[in-house]
């Protein structure tokens, strides 16, 4: 359980470090890099990892976290 908490902390740290760069790029590409699109893509990538190895429950947990961040119902339920 401690390892999963450590991975979650690393993921949050990653986004804190790169959030300024991401905001700049989002200003240049507002539709492509909308928050919902990014969160849905991150969720999809974690689902692909989980699908390859169902024993990696961390990937499934992260996918659910990202899915909860998606505000657009069509993306969230599609």
N, C-alpha and C. Protein backbone atom coordinates (compact mmCIF):
# COMPACT_ATOMS: atom_id res chain seq x y z
N UNK A 1 0.82 -1.19 0.00
CA UNK A 1 0.00 0.00 0.00
C UNK A 1 0.87 1.26 0.00
N UNK A 2 2.01 1.19 0.69
CA UNK A 2 2.90 2.34 0.76
C UNK A 2 3.45 2.69 -0.61
N UNK A 3 3.72 1.68 -1.43
CA UNK A 3 4.24 1.91 -2.77
C UNK A 3 3.23 2.66 -3.63
N UNK A 4 1.95 2.32 -3.52
CA UNK A 4 0.92 3.01 -4.29
C UNK A 4 0.82 4.48 -3.89
N UNK A 5 0.94 4.78 -2.62
CA UNK A 5 0.91 6.16 -2.16
C UNK A 5 2.12 6.92 -2.68
N UNK A 6 3.26 6.25 -2.74
CA UNK A 6 4.47 6.88 -3.26
C UNK A 6 4.30 7.20 -4.75
N UNK A 7 3.72 6.30 -5.51
CA UNK A 7 3.50 6.54 -6.94
C UNK A 7 2.52 7.69 -7.15
N UNK A 8 1.49 7.76 -6.34
CA UNK A 8 0.52 8.84 -6.43
C UNK A 8 1.20 10.18 -6.15
N UNK A 9 2.06 10.22 -5.15
CA UNK A 9 2.80 11.43 -4.81
C UNK A 9 3.70 11.84 -5.96
N UNK A 10 4.34 10.88 -6.61
CA UNK A 10 5.20 11.18 -7.76
C UNK A 10 4.38 11.74 -8.92
N UNK A 11 3.20 11.20 -9.15
CA UNK A 11 2.34 11.69 -10.23
C UNK A 11 1.91 13.12 -9.97
N UNK A 12 1.53 13.42 -8.74
CA UNK A 12 1.12 14.78 -8.38
C UNK A 12 2.30 15.73 -8.53
N UNK A 13 3.48 15.30 -8.09
CA UNK A 13 4.68 16.13 -8.21
C UNK A 13 4.99 16.43 -9.67
N UNK A 14 4.82 15.44 -10.54
CA UNK A 14 5.06 15.62 -11.96
C UNK A 14 4.17 16.73 -12.52
N UNK A 15 2.89 16.70 -12.18
CA UNK A 15 1.98 17.70 -12.69
C UNK A 15 2.25 19.08 -12.11
N UNK A 16 2.71 19.14 -10.88
CA UNK A 16 3.05 20.43 -10.29
C UNK A 16 4.24 21.05 -11.01
N UNK A 17 5.21 20.24 -11.36
CA UNK A 17 6.42 20.73 -12.03
C UNK A 17 6.10 21.20 -13.44
N UNK A 18 5.28 20.47 -14.15
CA UNK A 18 5.02 20.77 -15.56
C UNK A 18 3.76 21.59 -15.81
N UNK A 19 3.06 21.98 -14.78
CA UNK A 19 1.80 22.70 -14.98
C UNK A 19 2.00 24.05 -15.67
N UNK A 20 3.09 24.75 -15.36
CA UNK A 20 3.34 26.04 -16.00
C UNK A 20 3.58 25.87 -17.49
N UNK A 21 4.36 24.87 -17.87
CA UNK A 21 4.61 24.60 -19.28
C UNK A 21 3.32 24.18 -19.99
N UNK A 22 2.55 23.38 -19.31
CA UNK A 22 1.29 22.91 -19.88
C UNK A 22 0.32 24.07 -20.11
N UNK A 23 0.26 25.00 -19.19
CA UNK A 23 -0.61 26.16 -19.35
C UNK A 23 -0.20 26.99 -20.56
N UNK A 24 1.08 27.12 -20.79
CA UNK A 24 1.57 27.87 -21.95
C UNK A 24 1.14 27.19 -23.25
N UNK A 25 1.34 25.88 -23.32
CA UNK A 25 0.98 25.14 -24.53
C UNK A 25 -0.53 25.15 -24.72
N UNK A 26 -1.29 25.07 -23.63
CA UNK A 26 -2.75 25.13 -23.73
C UNK A 26 -3.21 26.47 -24.29
N UNK A 27 -2.49 27.53 -24.00
CA UNK A 27 -2.82 28.84 -24.56
C UNK A 27 -2.64 28.86 -26.06
N UNK A 28 -1.67 28.10 -26.54
CA UNK A 28 -1.41 28.02 -27.99
C UNK A 28 -2.35 27.06 -28.71
N UNK A 29 -2.74 26.00 -28.05
CA UNK A 29 -3.61 24.97 -28.64
C UNK A 29 -4.81 24.71 -27.72
N UNK A 30 -5.73 25.67 -27.62
CA UNK A 30 -6.79 25.57 -26.62
C UNK A 30 -7.76 24.40 -26.80
N UNK A 31 -8.09 24.05 -28.01
CA UNK A 31 -9.04 22.96 -28.21
C UNK A 31 -8.40 21.59 -28.08
N UNK A 32 -7.20 21.46 -28.62
CA UNK A 32 -6.50 20.19 -28.58
C UNK A 32 -6.10 19.81 -27.17
N UNK A 33 -5.72 20.82 -26.39
CA UNK A 33 -5.22 20.55 -25.05
C UNK A 33 -6.16 21.05 -23.96
N UNK A 34 -7.45 20.93 -24.19
CA UNK A 34 -8.39 21.30 -23.13
C UNK A 34 -8.20 20.33 -21.96
N UNK A 35 -8.57 20.75 -20.80
CA UNK A 35 -8.37 19.91 -19.61
C UNK A 35 -9.09 18.57 -19.74
N UNK A 36 -10.31 18.58 -20.25
CA UNK A 36 -11.05 17.34 -20.40
C UNK A 36 -10.37 16.38 -21.37
N UNK A 37 -9.85 16.92 -22.46
CA UNK A 37 -9.17 16.09 -23.44
C UNK A 37 -7.90 15.48 -22.85
N UNK A 38 -7.14 16.30 -22.14
CA UNK A 38 -5.92 15.79 -21.50
C UNK A 38 -6.23 14.72 -20.47
N UNK A 39 -7.22 14.98 -19.63
CA UNK A 39 -7.58 14.01 -18.60
C UNK A 39 -8.09 12.71 -19.21
N UNK A 40 -8.88 12.81 -20.27
CA UNK A 40 -9.39 11.61 -20.94
C UNK A 40 -8.25 10.82 -21.58
N UNK A 41 -7.28 11.51 -22.17
CA UNK A 41 -6.14 10.82 -22.77
C UNK A 41 -5.27 10.15 -21.71
N UNK A 42 -5.06 10.83 -20.60
CA UNK A 42 -4.30 10.22 -19.50
C UNK A 42 -5.01 8.99 -18.97
N UNK A 43 -6.33 9.10 -18.81
CA UNK A 43 -7.11 7.96 -18.35
C UNK A 43 -6.97 6.79 -19.32
N UNK A 44 -7.05 7.08 -20.60
CA UNK A 44 -6.95 6.03 -21.62
C UNK A 44 -5.59 5.33 -21.54
N UNK A 45 -4.51 6.11 -21.39
CA UNK A 45 -3.18 5.52 -21.31
C UNK A 45 -3.04 4.61 -20.09
N UNK A 46 -3.59 5.03 -18.96
CA UNK A 46 -3.54 4.16 -17.78
C UNK A 46 -4.37 2.90 -17.99
N UNK A 47 -5.48 3.01 -18.71
CA UNK A 47 -6.29 1.83 -19.00
C UNK A 47 -5.55 0.86 -19.91
N UNK A 48 -4.80 1.38 -20.86
CA UNK A 48 -4.00 0.52 -21.74
C UNK A 48 -2.96 -0.25 -20.92
N UNK A 49 -2.31 0.46 -19.98
CA UNK A 49 -1.32 -0.20 -19.12
C UNK A 49 -2.00 -1.30 -18.30
N UNK A 50 -3.14 -0.98 -17.73
CA UNK A 50 -3.86 -1.96 -16.92
C UNK A 50 -4.33 -3.14 -17.77
N UNK A 51 -4.76 -2.88 -19.00
CA UNK A 51 -5.23 -3.94 -19.89
C UNK A 51 -4.10 -4.91 -20.24
N UNK A 52 -2.89 -4.39 -20.38
CA UNK A 52 -1.75 -5.25 -20.68
C UNK A 52 -1.40 -6.15 -19.50
N UNK A 53 -1.54 -5.61 -18.29
CA UNK A 53 -1.21 -6.37 -17.09
C UNK A 53 -2.23 -6.05 -16.00
N UNK A 54 -3.31 -6.83 -15.91
CA UNK A 54 -4.36 -6.56 -14.94
C UNK A 54 -3.89 -6.61 -13.48
N UNK A 55 -2.72 -7.17 -13.24
CA UNK A 55 -2.17 -7.21 -11.89
C UNK A 55 -1.70 -5.82 -11.43
N UNK A 56 -1.50 -4.91 -12.38
CA UNK A 56 -1.04 -3.56 -12.04
C UNK A 56 -2.27 -2.72 -11.69
N UNK A 57 -2.70 -2.85 -10.45
CA UNK A 57 -3.91 -2.15 -10.03
C UNK A 57 -3.68 -0.65 -9.91
N UNK A 58 -2.44 -0.24 -9.76
CA UNK A 58 -2.12 1.19 -9.69
C UNK A 58 -2.62 1.90 -10.95
N UNK A 59 -2.44 1.28 -12.10
CA UNK A 59 -2.86 1.90 -13.36
C UNK A 59 -4.38 2.08 -13.41
N UNK A 60 -5.11 1.09 -12.93
CA UNK A 60 -6.57 1.19 -12.89
C UNK A 60 -7.01 2.29 -11.93
N UNK A 61 -6.36 2.36 -10.77
CA UNK A 61 -6.69 3.40 -9.80
C UNK A 61 -6.44 4.78 -10.37
N UNK A 62 -5.33 4.95 -11.07
CA UNK A 62 -5.01 6.25 -11.67
C UNK A 62 -6.01 6.59 -12.77
N UNK A 63 -6.43 5.60 -13.54
CA UNK A 63 -7.41 5.84 -14.59
C UNK A 63 -8.71 6.38 -14.00
N UNK A 64 -9.11 5.82 -12.88
CA UNK A 64 -10.34 6.28 -12.21
C UNK A 64 -10.18 7.70 -11.70
N UNK A 65 -9.00 8.01 -11.16
CA UNK A 65 -8.74 9.37 -10.67
C UNK A 65 -8.86 10.37 -11.83
N UNK A 66 -8.25 10.05 -12.96
CA UNK A 66 -8.33 10.95 -14.11
C UNK A 66 -9.74 11.05 -14.66
N UNK A 67 -10.47 9.94 -14.68
CA UNK A 67 -11.84 9.96 -15.18
C UNK A 67 -12.73 10.87 -14.35
N UNK A 68 -12.49 10.89 -13.05
CA UNK A 68 -13.28 11.77 -12.18
C UNK A 68 -12.99 13.24 -12.45
N UNK A 69 -11.86 13.55 -13.03
CA UNK A 69 -11.51 14.95 -13.34
C UNK A 69 -12.16 15.45 -14.61
N UNK A 70 -12.67 14.55 -15.44
CA UNK A 70 -13.30 14.94 -16.71
C UNK A 70 -14.67 15.52 -16.41
N UNK A 71 -14.93 16.73 -16.89
CA UNK A 71 -16.20 17.42 -16.65
C UNK A 71 -17.23 17.11 -17.75
N UNK A 72 -16.77 16.87 -18.96
CA UNK A 72 -17.65 16.63 -20.11
C UNK A 72 -18.26 15.23 -20.00
N UNK A 73 -19.57 15.17 -19.91
CA UNK A 73 -20.27 13.90 -19.74
C UNK A 73 -20.07 12.97 -20.93
N UNK A 74 -20.00 13.51 -22.14
CA UNK A 74 -19.80 12.69 -23.32
C UNK A 74 -18.44 11.98 -23.27
N UNK A 75 -17.43 12.68 -22.82
CA UNK A 75 -16.11 12.06 -22.68
C UNK A 75 -16.08 11.09 -21.50
N UNK A 76 -16.72 11.46 -20.44
CA UNK A 76 -16.69 10.67 -19.23
C UNK A 76 -17.41 9.32 -19.40
N UNK A 77 -18.50 9.33 -20.13
CA UNK A 77 -19.29 8.11 -20.29
C UNK A 77 -19.11 7.44 -21.64
N UNK A 78 -18.34 8.06 -22.52
CA UNK A 78 -18.14 7.52 -23.85
C UNK A 78 -17.02 6.57 -23.88
